[in-house]
Amino acid sequence: MRTIESKCIESSLEGIPLFERGDNIYCFIAERGLVAEKSDGSKTVNTQLVLYLLKKHFLEESESLLVEALGELQEGDSISTLIIKVQDKQKLKWRPVRSRYYPNWKQLEMIDEIVVEQNGKSYGFNYMGIFACIGSSSYQGEEARANKDFIMDVFRHNSTTSAQFKLVKRVIEGLKIGDSIKTMSDNIKQERERISKEYKAKHSEDSIDRFITKISTPILERARDNPKKGTFDFIRVDVGIVEIWKGSRKEYICQNQKEITRRVLAKVEDSKQFQRIGVPINFLKISEITLTRDSILEYLFELKIK
């Protein structure tokens, strides 16, 4: 089980009388753990101060739960022992009402597991199903990094394909402190629905992705009277389109010319040959667009200023 940082609690409770048992007063001492000292009247237990300090670290409103956990400690026990006792009691306390925090019982597996690592800290869901810092990490990167083992383990009942894994990873890396397990579950569901809608739109009967079959590699050409190597006067790009369309292909091209041209220019801009020349893409203008008999839409670009 992952536990919260013990050093923070240890530093705040160091040497403070925690409780009395018989003739002894108990307190935590570094390197020694819980130590019993004979009560001689020089030290007294300030219960309210002790509870205040513990509440800061455990976010626990029930004073009786904290007092009960303290009362179970034995001489020599460490701060980590106290943390485990408190967390165990918290889980027992909330078990009857877990449905308030978890969409289903399967997701109880996520509690106290590292979900994301960032800036030397580990983040996960606490006993209430709330996303919070749950410890330290050896990972020092600034970007949030999702725990691959956590994703594969918790979502193993799904078909965790590469695409599904990336989807869940994106959602997990976008979690914020205070988000719940239900928030994560809802976000994954919404992301899946968004991707499904985009896929359907992309593959619908009148989709431009279906209309365009291929955009060829741009060809840079020089005019006959241009002897300079490493320059161009024209750029030719062939766009393959479907042969059979439910309506007029020419009308569809006219209606979607802006988007088709955007995609063609993106292809030109990504061309290594064009990048080597170093001409900004906005220096180009359309010289001619021709639809051939063999379902090729020929784009011819030229420089605005020669």
Protein backbone atom coordinates (compact mmCIF):
# COMPACT_ATOMS: atom_id res chain seq x y z
CA MET A 1 0.00 0.00 0.00
CA ARG A 2 1.24 3.49 -0.75
CA THR A 3 1.41 5.78 2.29
CA ILE A 4 1.67 9.51 2.65
CA GLU A 5 5.02 11.10 3.53
CA SER A 6 6.02 10.22 7.12
CA LYS A 7 8.80 12.83 7.35
CA CYS A 8 6.31 15.72 7.37
CA ILE A 9 4.32 14.21 10.25
CA GLU A 10 7.49 13.23 12.08
CA SER A 11 8.87 16.77 12.01
CA SER A 12 5.61 18.30 13.28
CA LEU A 13 5.12 15.75 16.11
CA GLU A 14 8.78 15.51 17.17
CA GLY A 15 9.00 15.53 20.99
CA ILE A 16 5.37 16.58 21.52
CA PRO A 17 3.55 14.55 24.25
CA LEU A 18 0.91 12.55 22.39
CA PHE A 19 -0.96 10.54 25.02
CA GLU A 20 -0.73 9.11 28.50
CA ARG A 21 -0.85 5.44 29.42
CA GLY A 22 -0.46 4.45 33.07
CA ASP A 23 2.37 6.49 34.58
CA ASN A 24 4.00 7.18 31.22
CA ILE A 25 3.74 9.94 28.62
CA TYR A 26 4.44 8.90 25.03
CA CYS A 27 6.04 10.96 22.26
CA PHE A 28 7.89 10.38 18.99
CA ILE A 29 11.67 10.82 18.97
CA ALA A 30 13.68 10.76 15.74
CA GLU A 31 15.47 7.45 15.07
CA ARG A 32 13.80 5.87 18.14
CA GLY A 33 10.11 5.97 17.27
CA LEU A 34 7.51 6.07 20.05
CA VAL A 35 9.20 6.56 23.41
CA ALA A 36 7.69 6.24 26.90
CA GLU A 37 8.75 8.69 29.57
CA LYS A 38 7.81 8.66 33.22
CA SER A 39 5.25 11.35 34.00
CA ASP A 40 6.84 13.78 36.49
CA GLY A 41 4.56 16.75 35.87
CA SER A 42 7.04 18.61 33.66
CA LYS A 43 5.20 17.53 30.50
CA THR A 44 1.48 17.48 29.82
CA VAL A 45 -0.53 16.21 26.89
CA ASN A 46 -2.28 18.91 24.87
CA THR A 47 -4.87 16.75 23.14
CA GLN A 48 -6.28 19.57 21.01
CA LEU A 49 -2.82 20.45 19.67
CA VAL A 50 -2.09 16.80 18.85
CA LEU A 51 -5.42 16.38 17.04
CA TYR A 52 -4.91 19.66 15.16
CA LEU A 53 -1.50 18.51 13.87
CA LEU A 54 -2.82 15.08 12.87
CA LYS A 55 -5.86 16.52 11.08
CA LYS A 56 -3.57 18.64 8.89
CA HIS A 57 -1.84 15.55 7.55
CA PHE A 58 -4.68 13.02 7.41
CA LEU A 59 -7.58 15.34 6.42
CA GLU A 60 -9.60 13.38 8.98
CA GLU A 61 -12.54 15.04 10.76
CA SER A 62 -13.20 12.18 13.19
CA GLU A 63 -11.17 12.88 16.35
CA SER A 64 -12.19 9.55 17.86
CA LEU A 65 -10.61 7.72 14.89
CA LEU A 66 -7.29 9.53 15.42
CA VAL A 67 -7.35 8.99 19.18
CA GLU A 68 -8.10 5.29 18.64
CA ALA A 69 -5.16 4.92 16.23
CA LEU A 70 -2.81 6.66 18.72
CA GLY A 71 -4.04 4.42 21.53
CA GLU A 72 -3.05 1.29 19.62
CA LEU A 73 0.59 2.33 19.25
CA GLN A 74 3.28 0.47 21.16
CA GLU A 75 6.66 1.66 22.34
CA GLY A 76 9.13 1.64 19.45
CA ASP A 77 6.45 2.05 16.76
CA SER A 78 7.31 4.48 13.96
CA ILE A 79 5.33 7.26 12.31
CA SER A 80 4.71 4.86 9.41
CA THR A 81 2.90 2.53 11.83
CA LEU A 82 0.61 5.39 12.86
CA ILE A 83 -0.06 6.27 9.20
CA ILE A 84 -1.01 2.68 8.36
CA LYS A 85 -3.31 2.39 11.39
CA VAL A 86 -5.11 5.64 10.54
CA GLN A 87 -5.53 4.71 6.87
CA ASP A 88 -6.81 1.23 7.75
CA LYS A 89 -9.40 2.74 10.07
CA GLN A 90 -10.36 5.31 7.45
CA LYS A 91 -11.04 2.56 4.92
CA LEU A 92 -13.17 0.61 7.41
CA LYS A 93 -15.05 3.77 8.29
CA TRP A 94 -15.93 4.62 4.69
CA ARG A 95 -16.56 1.13 3.37
CA PRO A 96 -20.37 1.18 3.94
CA VAL A 97 -20.72 4.34 1.85
CA ARG A 98 -18.09 3.76 -0.84
CA SER A 99 -20.74 4.05 -3.54
CA ARG A 100 -20.69 7.81 -2.89
CA TYR A 101 -17.14 7.98 -4.24
CA TYR A 102 -16.70 5.08 -6.67
CA PRO A 103 -18.67 4.30 -9.85
CA ASN A 104 -18.16 0.56 -9.21
CA TRP A 105 -16.41 -1.76 -6.76
CA LYS A 106 -13.83 -2.73 -9.38
CA GLN A 107 -12.28 0.70 -9.01
CA LEU A 108 -11.38 0.10 -5.36
CA GLU A 109 -8.16 -1.34 -6.83
CA MET A 110 -7.09 2.23 -7.64
CA ILE A 111 -6.92 3.34 -4.01
CA ASP A 112 -3.41 4.31 -2.82
CA GLU A 113 -1.82 3.26 -6.13
CA ILE A 114 0.53 5.60 -7.98
CA VAL A 115 -1.33 6.97 -10.99
CA VAL A 116 0.92 9.83 -12.11
CA GLU A 117 4.47 10.95 -11.31
CA GLN A 118 5.62 14.54 -11.67
CA ASN A 119 8.34 16.78 -10.21
CA GLY A 120 9.53 14.13 -7.75
CA LYS A 121 6.04 13.45 -6.41
CA SER A 122 3.62 10.54 -6.81
CA TYR A 123 -0.08 11.18 -7.25
CA GLY A 124 -3.02 8.81 -6.88
CA PHE A 125 -6.48 8.40 -5.37
CA ASN A 126 -6.81 8.49 -1.57
CA TYR A 127 -9.28 6.42 0.47
CA MET A 128 -12.13 8.76 -0.53
CA GLY A 129 -11.37 8.36 -4.22
CA ILE A 130 -9.90 11.89 -4.51
CA PHE A 131 -6.81 12.59 -6.61
CA ALA A 132 -3.99 13.81 -4.34
CA CYS A 133 -0.25 13.60 -3.65
CA ILE A 134 0.41 10.23 -2.00
CA GLY A 135 4.21 10.16 -1.75
CA SER A 136 7.59 10.87 -3.30
CA SER A 137 8.90 9.66 -6.65
CA SER A 138 12.28 9.22 -8.31
CA TYR A 139 10.86 10.77 -11.52
CA GLN A 140 11.97 14.43 -11.73
CA GLY A 141 10.35 15.51 -15.02
CA GLU A 142 8.08 18.54 -15.14
CA GLU A 143 5.53 16.84 -17.39
CA ALA A 144 3.04 14.50 -15.73
CA ARG A 145 3.87 10.87 -16.55
CA ALA A 146 1.14 8.26 -16.27
CA ASN A 147 2.00 4.95 -14.60
CA LYS A 148 1.88 2.36 -17.40
CA ASP A 149 1.58 -0.59 -14.99
CA PHE A 150 -1.39 1.07 -13.30
CA ILE A 151 -3.23 1.58 -16.59
CA MET A 152 -2.58 -1.96 -17.81
CA ASP A 153 -3.59 -3.49 -14.48
CA VAL A 154 -6.75 -1.49 -13.73
CA PHE A 155 -8.02 -1.52 -17.30
CA ARG A 156 -7.05 -5.10 -18.07
CA HIS A 157 -10.72 -6.09 -18.26
CA ASN A 158 -11.01 -3.87 -21.34
CA SER A 159 -9.36 -4.51 -24.69
CA THR A 160 -6.36 -2.28 -23.95
CA THR A 161 -5.18 -1.61 -27.48
CA SER A 162 -2.47 0.93 -28.24
CA ALA A 163 -5.11 3.55 -29.06
CA GLN A 164 -7.09 2.79 -25.89
CA PHE A 165 -3.93 2.99 -23.78
CA LYS A 166 -3.04 6.40 -25.24
CA LEU A 167 -6.58 7.63 -24.57
CA VAL A 168 -6.50 6.59 -20.90
CA LYS A 169 -2.95 7.96 -20.56
CA ARG A 170 -4.07 11.39 -21.85
CA VAL A 171 -6.95 11.52 -19.39
CA ILE A 172 -4.81 10.43 -16.43
CA GLU A 173 -2.07 12.95 -17.22
CA GLY A 174 -4.74 15.66 -17.30
CA LEU A 175 -6.08 14.94 -13.79
CA LYS A 176 -6.06 17.77 -11.28
CA ILE A 177 -5.79 17.71 -7.49
CA GLY A 178 -9.31 17.19 -6.12
CA ASP A 179 -10.63 15.22 -9.10
CA SER A 180 -12.41 11.99 -8.19
CA ILE A 181 -12.22 8.49 -9.63
CA LYS A 182 -15.68 9.16 -11.09
CA THR A 183 -14.29 12.28 -12.80
CA MET A 184 -11.57 10.18 -14.40
CA SER A 185 -14.10 7.53 -15.44
CA ASP A 186 -16.43 10.18 -16.93
CA ASN A 187 -13.54 11.86 -18.77
CA ILE A 188 -12.47 8.55 -20.31
CA LYS A 189 -16.04 7.92 -21.42
CA GLN A 190 -16.33 11.42 -22.93
CA GLU A 191 -12.98 11.05 -24.71
CA ARG A 192 -14.09 7.74 -26.22
CA GLU A 193 -17.36 9.30 -27.39
CA ARG A 194 -15.47 12.25 -28.93
CA ILE A 195 -13.11 9.94 -30.82
CA SER A 196 -16.05 7.82 -31.97
CA LYS A 197 -17.87 10.89 -33.32
CA GLU A 198 -14.74 12.08 -35.13
CA TYR A 199 -14.25 8.65 -36.67
CA LYS A 200 -17.87 8.51 -37.88
CA ALA A 201 -17.63 12.03 -39.30
CA LYS A 202 -14.38 11.14 -41.04
CA HIS A 203 -15.88 8.04 -42.63
CA SER A 204 -19.35 9.37 -43.43
CA GLU A 205 -20.59 9.24 -47.01
CA ASP A 206 -19.93 12.93 -47.65
CA SER A 207 -16.67 13.11 -45.70
CA ILE A 208 -13.79 14.96 -47.34
CA ASP A 209 -11.47 12.23 -46.05
CA ARG A 210 -13.43 9.77 -48.14
CA PHE A 211 -13.51 12.11 -51.15
CA ILE A 212 -9.71 12.58 -51.21
CA THR A 213 -7.92 9.29 -51.78
CA LYS A 214 -4.34 10.59 -51.88
CA ILE A 215 -2.26 13.77 -52.01
CA SER A 216 0.93 13.16 -53.94
CA THR A 217 4.42 14.41 -53.10
CA PRO A 218 4.79 18.02 -54.34
CA ILE A 219 6.96 18.49 -57.43
CA LEU A 220 8.98 21.72 -57.62
CA GLU A 221 9.55 22.90 -61.19
CA ARG A 222 11.60 25.66 -62.83
CA ALA A 223 10.55 27.64 -65.89
CA ARG A 224 12.60 27.03 -69.03
CA ASP A 225 14.25 30.42 -68.75
CA ASN A 226 15.27 29.85 -65.09
CA PRO A 227 18.81 28.33 -64.94
CA LYS A 228 19.22 28.68 -61.14
CA LYS A 229 19.42 25.41 -59.27
CA GLY A 230 17.81 25.22 -55.84
CA THR A 231 14.96 27.49 -56.93
CA PHE A 232 11.50 26.95 -58.36
CA ASP A 233 8.83 28.78 -60.30
CA PHE A 234 5.95 26.34 -59.92
CA ILE A 235 4.83 23.60 -57.53
CA ARG A 236 2.64 20.83 -58.87
CA VAL A 237 0.54 18.62 -56.57
CA ASP A 238 -1.81 15.87 -57.70
CA VAL A 239 -4.82 15.12 -55.51
CA GLY A 240 -6.50 11.77 -56.07
CA ILE A 241 -10.29 11.77 -55.63
CA VAL A 242 -12.95 9.06 -55.70
CA GLU A 243 -14.28 8.01 -59.09
CA ILE A 244 -17.84 7.42 -57.88
CA TRP A 245 -19.62 10.05 -55.79
CA LYS A 246 -23.27 10.40 -54.84
CA GLY A 247 -23.44 13.92 -56.29
CA SER A 248 -21.49 16.13 -58.65
CA ARG A 249 -17.79 15.95 -57.92
CA LYS A 250 -17.22 19.39 -59.40
CA GLU A 251 -19.84 20.91 -57.10
CA TYR A 252 -18.32 19.15 -54.09
CA ILE A 253 -14.87 20.50 -55.02
CA CYS A 254 -16.23 24.02 -55.28
CA GLN A 255 -18.01 23.71 -51.92
CA ASN A 256 -14.92 22.31 -50.18
CA GLN A 257 -12.12 24.00 -52.13
CA LYS A 258 -10.90 25.91 -49.07
CA GLU A 259 -10.37 22.73 -47.02
CA ILE A 260 -8.87 20.79 -49.95
CA THR A 261 -6.43 23.64 -50.62
CA ARG A 262 -5.51 23.80 -46.92
CA ARG A 263 -4.57 20.11 -46.97
CA VAL A 264 -2.58 20.47 -50.17
CA LEU A 265 -0.62 23.43 -48.78
CA ALA A 266 0.07 21.45 -45.60
CA LYS A 267 1.52 18.70 -47.79
CA VAL A 268 3.71 21.26 -49.57
CA GLU A 269 4.86 22.80 -46.29
CA ASP A 270 5.88 19.37 -44.95
CA SER A 271 7.87 18.59 -48.10
CA LYS A 272 11.60 18.37 -47.35
CA GLN A 273 12.46 19.75 -50.80
CA PHE A 274 10.29 22.82 -50.15
CA GLN A 275 11.72 23.25 -46.64
CA ARG A 276 15.28 23.25 -47.98
CA ILE A 277 14.51 26.24 -50.19
CA GLY A 278 13.18 28.18 -47.23
CA VAL A 279 10.31 30.04 -48.88
CA PRO A 280 7.36 30.86 -46.56
CA ILE A 281 4.18 29.00 -47.52
CA ASN A 282 2.20 32.25 -47.69
CA PHE A 283 4.39 33.32 -50.62
CA LEU A 284 2.51 30.84 -52.83
CA LYS A 285 -0.68 31.43 -54.78
CA ILE A 286 -2.85 29.09 -56.81
CA SER A 287 -2.10 29.38 -60.51
CA GLU A 288 -4.45 26.66 -61.74
CA ILE A 289 -6.70 23.80 -60.58
CA THR A 290 -7.66 21.13 -63.11
CA LEU A 291 -9.85 18.04 -62.78
CA THR A 292 -8.60 15.38 -65.17
CA ARG A 293 -10.54 12.49 -66.66
CA ASP A 294 -8.68 9.96 -64.52
CA SER A 295 -9.94 11.47 -61.22
CA ILE A 296 -6.92 13.63 -60.50
CA LEU A 297 -7.25 17.16 -59.19
CA GLU A 298 -4.12 18.95 -60.35
CA TYR A 299 -2.95 21.91 -58.26
CA LEU A 300 -0.41 24.32 -59.73
CA PHE A 301 1.11 26.96 -57.43
CA GLU A 302 3.41 29.84 -58.27
CA LEU A 303 5.18 32.54 -56.32
CA LYS A 304 3.17 35.69 -55.63
CA ILE A 305 6.29 37.76 -56.26
CA LYS A 306 8.96 36.54 -58.69
